[in-house]
C-alpha atoms as a PDB file:
ATOM      1  CA  MET A   1      88.700 216.248  -4.227  1.00  0.00           C
ATOM      2  CA  LYS A   2      91.069 219.294  -4.884  1.00  0.00           C
ATOM      3  CA  GLY A   3      93.662 217.726  -3.189  1.00  0.00           C
ATOM      4  CA  PHE A   4      93.190 214.224  -4.769  1.00  0.00           C
ATOM      5  CA  GLN A   5      93.467 216.145  -8.231  1.00  0.00           C
ATOM      6  CA  ALA A   6      96.691 217.286  -6.918  1.00  0.00           C
ATOM      7  CA  LEU A   7      98.254 214.172  -5.655  1.00  0.00           C
ATOM      8  CA  LEU A   8      97.346 212.723  -9.234  1.00  0.00           C
ATOM      9  CA  PHE A   9      98.871 214.712 -11.438  1.00  0.00           C
ATOM     10  CA  GLU A  10     101.791 215.893  -9.052  1.00  0.00           C
ATOM     11  CA  ASN A  11     104.892 214.695 -11.315  1.00  0.00           C
ATOM     12  CA  PHE A  12     102.464 213.445 -14.017  1.00  0.00           C
ATOM     13  CA  GLY A  13     104.609 213.855 -16.610  1.00  0.00           C
ATOM     14  CA  TRP A  14     107.528 210.954 -14.440  1.00  0.00           C
ATOM     15  CA  LYS A  15     104.124 209.158 -13.874  1.00  0.00           C
ATOM     16  CA  VAL A  16     103.032 208.731 -17.264  1.00  0.00           C
ATOM     17  CA  LEU A  17     106.944 208.068 -18.136  1.00  0.00           C
ATOM     18  CA  SER A  18     107.297 205.072 -16.421  1.00  0.00           C
ATOM     19  CA  LEU A  19     103.416 203.887 -16.664  1.00  0.00           C
ATOM     20  CA  ALA A  20     104.992 203.614 -20.681  1.00  0.00           C
ATOM     21  CA  ALA A  21     108.202 201.869 -19.571  1.00  0.00           C
ATOM     22  CA  ALA A  22     106.622 199.448 -17.722  1.00  0.00           C
ATOM     23  CA  VAL A  23     103.896 198.757 -20.546  1.00  0.00           C
ATOM     24  CA  THR A  24     106.762 198.938 -23.310  1.00  0.00           C
ATOM     25  CA  LEU A  25     108.901 196.341 -20.608  1.00  0.00           C
ATOM     26  CA  TRP A  26     106.103 193.752 -20.054  1.00  0.00           C
ATOM     27  CA  TRP A  27     105.243 194.417 -24.344  1.00  0.00           C
ATOM     28  CA  LEU A  28     108.475 193.239 -24.716  1.00  0.00           C
ATOM     29  CA  VAL A  29     108.706 189.893 -22.710  1.00  0.00           C
ATOM     30  CA  ALA A  30     105.161 188.768 -23.369  1.00  0.00           C
ATOM     31  CA  SER A  31     105.995 189.116 -27.065  1.00  0.00           C
ATOM     32  CA  GLU A  32     109.287 187.367 -26.184  1.00  0.00           C
ATOM     33  CA  PRO A  33     108.943 183.889 -27.903  1.00  0.00           C
ATOM     34  CA  GLU A  34     108.758 180.681 -25.332  1.00  0.00           C
ATOM     35  CA  LEU A  35     111.545 178.380 -25.152  1.00  0.00           C
ATOM     36  CA  ALA A  36     112.257 174.686 -23.660  1.00  0.00           C
ATOM     37  CA  GLY A  37     115.563 173.852 -22.170  1.00  0.00           C
ATOM     38  CA  PHE A  38     117.482 171.392 -19.971  1.00  0.00           C
ATOM     39  CA  ALA A  39     119.422 172.478 -16.652  1.00  0.00           C
ATOM     40  CA  THR A  40     121.350 170.470 -14.373  1.00  0.00           C
ATOM     41  CA  VAL A  41     120.877 172.198 -10.902  1.00  0.00           C
ATOM     42  CA  ARG A  42     122.554 170.838  -7.284  1.00  0.00           C
ATOM     43  CA  LEU A  43     119.768 169.227  -5.155  1.00  0.00           C
ATOM     44  CA  GLU A  44     119.825 170.825  -1.416  1.00  0.00           C
ATOM     45  CA  TYR A  45     118.079 170.073   1.402  1.00  0.00           C
ATOM     46  CA  LYS A  46     116.965 171.731   4.649  1.00  0.00           C
ATOM     47  CA  ASN A  47     115.109 170.713   8.321  1.00  0.00           C
ATOM     48  CA  LEU A  48     116.682 167.169   8.724  1.00  0.00           C
ATOM     49  CA  PRO A  49     116.382 166.446  12.598  1.00  0.00           C
ATOM     50  CA  ASP A  50     119.413 166.859  14.368  1.00  0.00           C
ATOM     51  CA  ASP A  51     119.344 162.324  15.290  1.00  0.00           C
ATOM     52  CA  LEU A  52     119.432 161.386  11.761  1.00  0.00           C
ATOM     53  CA  GLU A  53     121.525 160.432   8.983  1.00  0.00           C
ATOM     54  CA  ILE A  54     121.227 159.857   5.374  1.00  0.00           C
ATOM     55  CA  SER A  55     123.145 156.456   4.923  1.00  0.00           C
ATOM     56  CA  SER A  56     122.072 155.846   1.704  1.00  0.00           C
ATOM     57  CA  GLU A  57     124.306 157.241  -1.510  1.00  0.00           C
ATOM     58  CA  PRO A  58     123.085 160.704  -1.998  1.00  0.00           C
ATOM     59  CA  VAL A  59     121.790 162.156  -5.264  1.00  0.00           C
ATOM     60  CA  GLY A  60     123.605 164.947  -5.715  1.00  0.00           C
ATOM     61  CA  SER A  61     121.851 167.212  -8.685  1.00  0.00           C
ATOM     62  CA  VAL A  62     118.569 166.318 -10.810  1.00  0.00           C
ATOM     63  CA  THR A  63     117.967 167.144 -14.542  1.00  0.00           C
ATOM     64  CA  LEU A  64     115.049 170.172 -14.760  1.00  0.00           C
ATOM     65  CA  GLU A  65     113.312 170.393 -18.177  1.00  0.00           C
ATOM     66  CA  LEU A  66     112.237 174.174 -18.378  1.00  0.00           C
ATOM     67  CA  GLN A  67     110.191 176.385 -19.848  1.00  0.00           C
ATOM     68  CA  GLY A  68     109.886 180.322 -20.822  1.00  0.00           C
ATOM     69  CA  PRO A  69     110.187 183.279 -22.080  1.00  0.00           C
ATOM     70  CA  SER A  70     113.628 182.736 -24.571  1.00  0.00           C
ATOM     71  CA  GLY A  71     115.139 186.053 -22.750  1.00  0.00           C
ATOM     72  CA  VAL A  72     114.590 185.151 -18.891  1.00  0.00           C
ATOM     73  CA  LEU A  73     115.630 181.195 -19.913  1.00  0.00           C
ATOM     74  CA  ARG A  74     118.708 182.127 -21.790  1.00  0.00           C
ATOM     75  CA  GLY A  75     119.844 184.031 -18.432  1.00  0.00           C
ATOM     76  CA  VAL A  76     119.188 181.402 -15.801  1.00  0.00           C
ATOM     77  CA  GLY A  77     121.607 181.198 -13.709  1.00  0.00           C
ATOM     78  CA  ASP A  78     123.371 183.644 -14.860  1.00  0.00           C
ATOM     79  CA  GLY A  79     123.096 186.471 -12.947  1.00  0.00           C
ATOM     80  CA  GLY A  80     119.667 185.056 -12.172  1.00  0.00           C
ATOM     81  CA  LEU A  81     118.092 183.165  -9.953  1.00  0.00           C
ATOM     82  CA  GLN A  82     119.919 179.807  -9.836  1.00  0.00           C
ATOM     83  CA  PRO A  83     117.366 177.258 -10.713  1.00  0.00           C
ATOM     84  CA  ALA A  84     117.467 174.645  -6.768  1.00  0.00           C
ATOM     85  CA  VAL A  85     115.479 171.548  -6.271  1.00  0.00           C
ATOM     86  CA  VAL A  86     115.124 172.087  -2.255  1.00  0.00           C
ATOM     87  CA  LEU A  87     113.361 169.260  -0.478  1.00  0.00           C
ATOM     88  CA  ASP A  88     112.119 169.528   3.491  1.00  0.00           C
ATOM     89  CA  MET A  89     113.082 166.715   5.451  1.00  0.00           C
ATOM     90  CA  SER A  90     111.328 167.291   8.618  1.00  0.00           C
ATOM     91  CA  GLY A  91     109.439 165.219  10.446  1.00  0.00           C
ATOM     92  CA  VAL A  92     111.234 161.801   8.676  1.00  0.00           C
ATOM     93  CA  GLN A  93     112.124 159.057  10.561  1.00  0.00           C
ATOM     94  CA  PRO A  94     114.201 156.443  10.569  1.00  0.00           C
ATOM     95  CA  GLY A  95     113.760 154.241   7.358  1.00  0.00           C
ATOM     96  CA  GLU A  96     113.448 154.624   3.437  1.00  0.00           C
ATOM     97  CA  ARG A  97     111.301 157.976   1.763  1.00  0.00           C
ATOM     98  CA  THR A  98     111.282 159.074  -1.328  1.00  0.00           C
ATOM     99  CA  PHE A  99     110.385 162.561  -2.229  1.00  0.00           C
ATOM    100  CA  ALA A 100     108.820 163.416  -5.546  1.00  0.00           C
ATOM    101  CA  ILE A 101     110.059 166.575  -7.312  1.00  0.00           C
ATOM    102  CA  SER A 102     107.809 169.317  -7.763  1.00  0.00           C
ATOM    103  CA  ARG A 103     106.185 172.864  -8.351  1.00  0.00           C
ATOM    104  CA  GLY A 104     106.697 173.110  -4.881  1.00  0.00           C
ATOM    105  CA  ASN A 105     110.345 172.335  -4.098  1.00  0.00           C
ATOM    106  CA  VAL A 106     111.884 173.604  -7.149  1.00  0.00           C
ATOM    107  CA  GLN A 107     112.678 177.753  -7.066  1.00  0.00           C
ATOM    108  CA  LEU A 108     113.179 179.152 -10.413  1.00  0.00           C
ATOM    109  CA  ALA A 109     113.128 182.908 -11.790  1.00  0.00           C
ATOM    110  CA  ARG A 110     109.739 184.349 -12.541  1.00  0.00           C
ATOM    111  CA  GLY A 111     108.286 183.231 -15.723  1.00  0.00           C
ATOM    112  CA  VAL A 112     110.490 180.019 -15.414  1.00  0.00           C
ATOM    113  CA  ARG A 113     108.071 177.064 -15.964  1.00  0.00           C
ATOM    114  CA  LEU A 114     108.594 173.403 -14.532  1.00  0.00           C
ATOM    115  CA  VAL A 115     107.675 170.975 -17.513  1.00  0.00           C
ATOM    116  CA  ARG A 116     109.357 167.768 -15.453  1.00  0.00           C
ATOM    117  CA  SER A 117     112.203 166.494 -13.912  1.00  0.00           C
ATOM    118  CA  ILE A 118     114.518 163.664 -14.703  1.00  0.00           C
ATOM    119  CA  PRO A 119     114.046 161.731 -12.028  1.00  0.00           C
ATOM    120  CA  SER A 120     110.831 162.858 -11.059  1.00  0.00           C
ATOM    121  CA  GLU A 121     111.556 161.294  -7.457  1.00  0.00           C
ATOM    122  CA  VAL A 122     114.802 160.887  -5.321  1.00  0.00           C
ATOM    123  CA  HIS A 123     115.032 158.286  -2.839  1.00  0.00           C
ATOM    124  CA  PHE A 124     116.709 157.988   0.542  1.00  0.00           C
ATOM    125  CA  ALA A 125     117.470 155.611   3.144  1.00  0.00           C
ATOM    126  CA  PHE A 126     117.682 157.534   6.781  1.00  0.00           C
ATOM    127  CA  ASP A 127     119.385 156.605  10.305  1.00  0.00           C
ATOM    128  CA  HIS A 128     120.220 157.467  13.571  1.00  0.00           C
ATOM    129  CA  ARG A 129     122.842 159.101  14.241  1.00  0.00           C
ATOM    130  CA  ALA A 130     125.753 156.799  16.727  1.00  0.00           C
ATOM    131  CA  SER A 131     129.014 156.782  17.847  1.00  0.00           C
ATOM    132  CA  HIS A 132     131.463 154.803  19.002  1.00  0.00           C
ATOM    133  CA  GLU A 133     135.217 153.451  19.908  1.00  0.00           C
ATOM    134  CA  VAL A 134     136.906 151.258  17.617  1.00  0.00           C
ATOM    135  CA  PRO A 135     140.517 150.116  17.742  1.00  0.00           C
ATOM    136  CA  VAL A 136     143.180 151.179  15.410  1.00  0.00           C
ATOM    137  CA  SER A 137     146.417 148.975  14.529  1.00  0.00           C
ATOM    138  CA  ALA A 138     149.100 149.600  12.741  1.00  0.00           C
ATOM    139  CA  ARG A 139     149.365 148.247   9.084  1.00  0.00           C
ATOM    140  CA  LEU A 140     153.445 147.869   8.630  1.00  0.00           C
ATOM    141  CA  THR A 141     155.494 146.915   5.626  1.00  0.00           C
ATOM    142  CA  GLY A 142     158.936 145.888   4.856  1.00  0.00           C
ATOM    143  CA  ALA A 143     160.055 144.158   7.827  1.00  0.00           C
ATOM    144  CA  GLY A 144     162.672 141.610   7.491  1.00  0.00           C
ATOM    145  CA  LYS A 145     163.805 142.938   4.679  1.00  0.00           C
ATOM    146  CA  ASN A 146     167.543 143.782   6.285  1.00  0.00           C
ATOM    147  CA  GLY A 147     167.411 141.479   8.527  1.00  0.00           C
ATOM    148  CA  TYR A 148     165.147 142.902  11.355  1.00  0.00           C
ATOM    149  CA  VAL A 149     161.775 142.217  12.596  1.00  0.00           C
ATOM    150  CA  VAL A 150     159.173 144.418  14.790  1.00  0.00           C
ATOM    151  CA  ALA A 151     160.427 143.709  18.669  1.00  0.00           C
ATOM    152  CA  LYS A 152     157.150 146.232  19.362  1.00  0.00           C
ATOM    153  CA  CYS A 153     154.838 148.935  17.552  1.00  0.00           C
ATOM    154  CA  VAL A 154     152.280 150.640  20.264  1.00  0.00           C
ATOM    155  CA  VAL A 155     149.631 153.016  18.326  1.00  0.00           C
ATOM    156  CA  THR A 156     148.638 156.525  20.010  1.00  0.00           C
ATOM    157  CA  PRO A 157     145.864 156.159  20.762  1.00  0.00           C
ATOM    158  CA  ALA A 158     144.888 152.860  20.618  1.00  0.00           C
ATOM    159  CA  THR A 159     140.989 153.736  20.543  1.00  0.00           C
ATOM    160  CA  MET A 160     139.451 156.079  17.678  1.00  0.00           C
ATOM    161  CA  ARG A 161     135.344 157.169  18.351  1.00  0.00           C
ATOM    162  CA  LEU A 162     133.725 157.533  14.982  1.00  0.00           C
ATOM    163  CA  VAL A 163     130.080 158.428  13.988  1.00  0.00           C
ATOM    164  CA  GLY A 164     128.006 158.199  11.366  1.00  0.00           C
ATOM    165  CA  PRO A 165     124.739 156.305  10.754  1.00  0.00           C
ATOM    166  CA  ALA A 166     124.132 153.788  13.209  1.00  0.00           C
ATOM    167  CA  GLY A 167     123.259 150.658  10.503  1.00  0.00           C
ATOM    168  CA  ARG A 168     126.671 151.240   9.314  1.00  0.00           C
ATOM    169  CA  LEU A 169     129.002 152.370  12.416  1.00  0.00           C
ATOM    170  CA  ALA A 170     127.450 149.068  13.717  1.00  0.00           C
ATOM    171  CA  ARG A 171     129.817 147.390  11.278  1.00  0.00           C
ATOM    172  CA  ILE A 172     132.977 148.760  11.722  1.00  0.00           C
ATOM    173  CA  HIS A 173     134.511 146.662  14.641  1.00  0.00           C
ATOM    174  CA  SER A 174     138.259 147.921  13.742  1.00  0.00           C
ATOM    175  CA  LEU A 175     140.177 150.422  11.679  1.00  0.00           C
ATOM    176  CA  VAL A 176     143.736 150.168  10.321  1.00  0.00           C
ATOM    177  CA  THR A 177     146.348 152.916   9.362  1.00  0.00           C
ATOM    178  CA  ASP A 178     147.980 153.685   5.810  1.00  0.00           C
ATOM    179  CA  PRO A 179     151.211 151.540   5.409  1.00  0.00           C
ATOM    180  CA  VAL A 180     154.134 152.161   7.149  1.00  0.00           C
ATOM    181  CA  ASP A 181     157.580 151.064   5.503  1.00  0.00           C
ATOM    182  CA  VAL A 182     159.410 149.772   8.793  1.00  0.00           C
ATOM    183  CA  SER A 183     162.596 148.778   6.051  1.00  0.00           C
ATOM    184  CA  THR A 184     164.556 150.992   7.011  1.00  0.00           C
ATOM    185  CA  VAL A 185     164.047 150.684  10.246  1.00  0.00           C
ATOM    186  CA  PHE A 186     167.252 149.530  12.776  1.00  0.00           C
ATOM    187  CA  GLY A 187     165.814 150.433  16.151  1.00  0.00           C
ATOM    188  CA  ALA A 188     163.364 152.736  17.575  1.00  0.00           C
ATOM    189  CA  ARG A 189     161.350 155.444  15.303  1.00  0.00           C
ATOM    190  CA  GLU A 190     157.716 156.857  15.265  1.00  0.00           C
ATOM    191  CA  PHE A 191     155.467 157.345  12.526  1.00  0.00           C
ATOM    192  CA  ARG A 192     152.467 160.496  12.239  1.00  0.00           C
ATOM    193  CA  VAL A 193     149.769 158.687  10.075  1.00  0.00           C
ATOM    194  CA  ASN A 194     146.382 158.462   8.994  1.00  0.00           C
ATOM    195  CA  ALA A 195     143.773 156.016  10.175  1.00  0.00           C
ATOM    196  CA  PHE A 196     141.469 154.946   7.465  1.00  0.00           C
ATOM    197  CA  ILE A 197     137.274 154.172   7.236  1.00  0.00           C
ATOM    198  CA  ASP A 198     136.831 151.730   4.508  1.00  0.00           C
ATOM    199  CA  ASP A 199     132.935 153.417   4.760  1.00  0.00           C
ATOM    200  CA  PRO A 200     132.478 156.809   3.115  1.00  0.00           C
ATOM    201  CA  TYR A 201     129.274 157.416   4.993  1.00  0.00           C
ATOM    202  CA  VAL A 202     131.345 157.312   8.520  1.00  0.00           C
ATOM    203  CA  ARG A 203     133.401 159.810   9.869  1.00  0.00           C
ATOM    204  CA  PHE A 204     136.204 160.632  12.354  1.00  0.00           C
ATOM    205  CA  GLU A 205     134.929 162.862  14.836  1.00  0.00           C
ATOM    206  CA  ASN A 206     138.156 164.071  15.654  1.00  0.00           C
ATOM    207  CA  SER A 207     141.925 164.295  13.792  1.00  0.00           C
ATOM    208  CA  PRO A 208     142.463 160.932  11.995  1.00  0.00           C
ATOM    209  CA  GLN A 209     145.880 161.099  12.423  1.00  0.00           C
ATOM    210  CA  VAL A 210     147.793 158.737  15.225  1.00  0.00           C
ATOM    211  CA  THR A 211     151.412 158.131  15.879  1.00  0.00           C
ATOM    212  CA  VAL A 212     152.505 154.712  15.642  1.00  0.00           C
ATOM    213  CA  SER A 213     156.126 153.668  17.090  1.00  0.00           C
ATOM    214  CA  VAL A 214     158.038 150.932  16.247  1.00  0.00           C
ATOM    215  CA  THR A 215     161.058 148.923  18.059  1.00  0.00           C
ATOM    216  CA  MET A 216     162.864 146.543  15.433  1.00  0.00           C
ATOM    217  CA  ARG A 217     165.168 143.932  16.347  1.00  0.00           C
ATOM    218  CA  LYS A 218     168.070 142.140  14.140  1.00  0.00           C
ATOM    219  CA  GLU A 219     166.195 138.952  13.793  1.00  0.00           C
END
């Protein structure tokens, strides 16, 4: 008993001061008026299977209606916990999937509550990741302007590997380069240009740059 009393009264003044500070802090927070407001936050996801790709237009952000003590709510995102919506995509399969936005996937500062999300759901389409080689052709402009025509045109590399959702990738059968102006070429010349993919969901496995070798001859 004496040991317990000694432990209880050790640094008794500091313990009383700490308790008073905690009670004061609680009282200040509890007495704050409640406010509600809106915050536009980014949409994040985790655990997307490695062999899948999002093939629909991504939702970049959502608007959250939040409620909480005025001091906490005003500090949301200002040095405190930035609200975020984090979707768990583990176990998704190819096809379409709708995710509800609720308290379970919204990260908020302590004391802040979710009233609603706008939109309340987000919809995604998923597809298998695929890759394949696609031929590249040069887009030449200005031929014949000075009496010279194209005698030979070689693109290196002749094919490029693309990666993306299988359904979208299957619709791409060829690529073209950025325009190459040959109006001032009177012999042979090389140009370094980029190939272009007409689908924002498909990407190059490596650099999109190619070499276009052009030989012009007198018409």
